[in-house]
Amino acid sequence: MNQINVMTIGKLIEAHRDGDEQKFKAYVNFIAKAYEEQGNDRAANIIRSNYTGDYCEQGKVVLDEAGEL
């Protein structure tokens, strides 16, 4: 079972800083898989879609108070 710890996050940041896209993607997938193994598919999907850029394109729901007409 994959565990997310400070070293994982540090390596993710290091890969980003070094511009190593392959290594960065590997850490993103590692983190997403760890969330899936914990049963948190929503978190895994958010992480993956943020990486691909799909998250910003997904529809968002905005709740506001209903005003008087």
Protein backbone atom coordinates (compact mmCIF):
# COMPACT_ATOMS: atom_id res chain seq x y z
CA MET A 1 0.00 0.00 0.00
CA ASN A 2 1.41 3.37 -1.01
CA GLN A 3 1.90 5.93 1.73
CA ILE A 4 2.09 9.67 1.17
CA ASN A 5 4.65 11.29 3.43
CA VAL A 6 6.85 14.36 3.56
CA MET A 7 9.49 12.69 1.37
CA THR A 8 6.92 12.01 -1.35
CA ILE A 9 5.78 15.62 -1.37
CA GLY A 10 9.41 16.80 -1.28
CA LYS A 11 10.31 14.63 -4.27
CA LEU A 12 7.25 15.91 -6.16
CA ILE A 13 8.36 19.50 -5.56
CA GLU A 14 11.95 18.65 -6.49
CA ALA A 15 10.84 17.10 -9.79
CA HIS A 16 8.78 20.19 -10.57
CA ARG A 17 11.63 22.52 -9.68
CA ASP A 18 14.05 20.51 -11.86
CA GLY A 19 11.60 20.51 -14.77
CA ASP A 20 11.60 16.70 -14.86
CA GLU A 21 8.11 16.07 -16.25
CA GLN A 22 8.47 12.28 -16.31
CA LYS A 23 9.48 12.14 -12.64
CA PHE A 24 6.79 14.68 -11.69
CA LYS A 25 4.10 12.62 -13.43
CA ALA A 26 5.32 9.46 -11.68
CA TYR A 27 4.91 11.14 -8.27
CA VAL A 28 1.48 12.50 -9.22
CA ASN A 29 0.38 8.98 -10.16
CA PHE A 30 1.92 7.54 -7.00
CA ILE A 31 -0.03 10.00 -4.83
CA ALA A 32 -3.28 9.44 -6.75
CA LYS A 33 -2.87 5.66 -6.43
CA ALA A 34 -2.28 6.00 -2.68
CA TYR A 35 -5.61 7.83 -2.36
CA GLU A 36 -7.33 5.12 -4.43
CA GLU A 37 -5.91 2.43 -2.17
CA GLN A 38 -7.39 4.31 0.79
CA GLY A 39 -10.78 4.27 -0.95
CA ASN A 40 -10.70 7.97 -1.76
CA ASP A 41 -11.34 7.88 -5.52
CA ARG A 42 -12.58 11.48 -5.51
CA ALA A 43 -9.21 12.77 -4.27
CA ALA A 44 -7.38 10.62 -6.83
CA ASN A 45 -9.55 11.99 -9.64
CA ILE A 46 -8.99 15.58 -8.48
CA ILE A 47 -5.21 15.07 -8.41
CA ARG A 48 -5.10 13.47 -11.84
CA SER A 49 -7.44 16.00 -13.44
CA ASN A 50 -5.43 18.87 -11.96
CA TYR A 51 -2.31 17.38 -13.50
CA THR A 52 -3.91 17.05 -16.95
CA GLY A 53 -5.70 20.40 -16.72
CA ASP A 54 -9.15 18.85 -17.01
CA TYR A 55 -10.18 20.00 -13.54
CA CYS A 56 -10.53 23.64 -14.59
CA GLU A 57 -12.71 22.64 -17.53
CA GLN A 58 -15.19 20.60 -15.50
CA GLY A 59 -18.50 22.17 -14.63
CA LYS A 60 -18.81 23.81 -11.26
CA VAL A 61 -21.89 24.32 -9.17
CA VAL A 62 -22.33 27.67 -7.46
CA LEU A 63 -24.90 27.93 -4.69
CA ASP A 64 -26.29 31.29 -3.79
CA GLU A 65 -29.29 32.59 -1.93
CA ALA A 66 -32.50 32.78 -3.86
CA GLY A 67 -33.54 36.38 -4.13
CA GLU A 68 -37.07 37.71 -4.20
CA LEU A 69 -38.47 38.23 -7.66
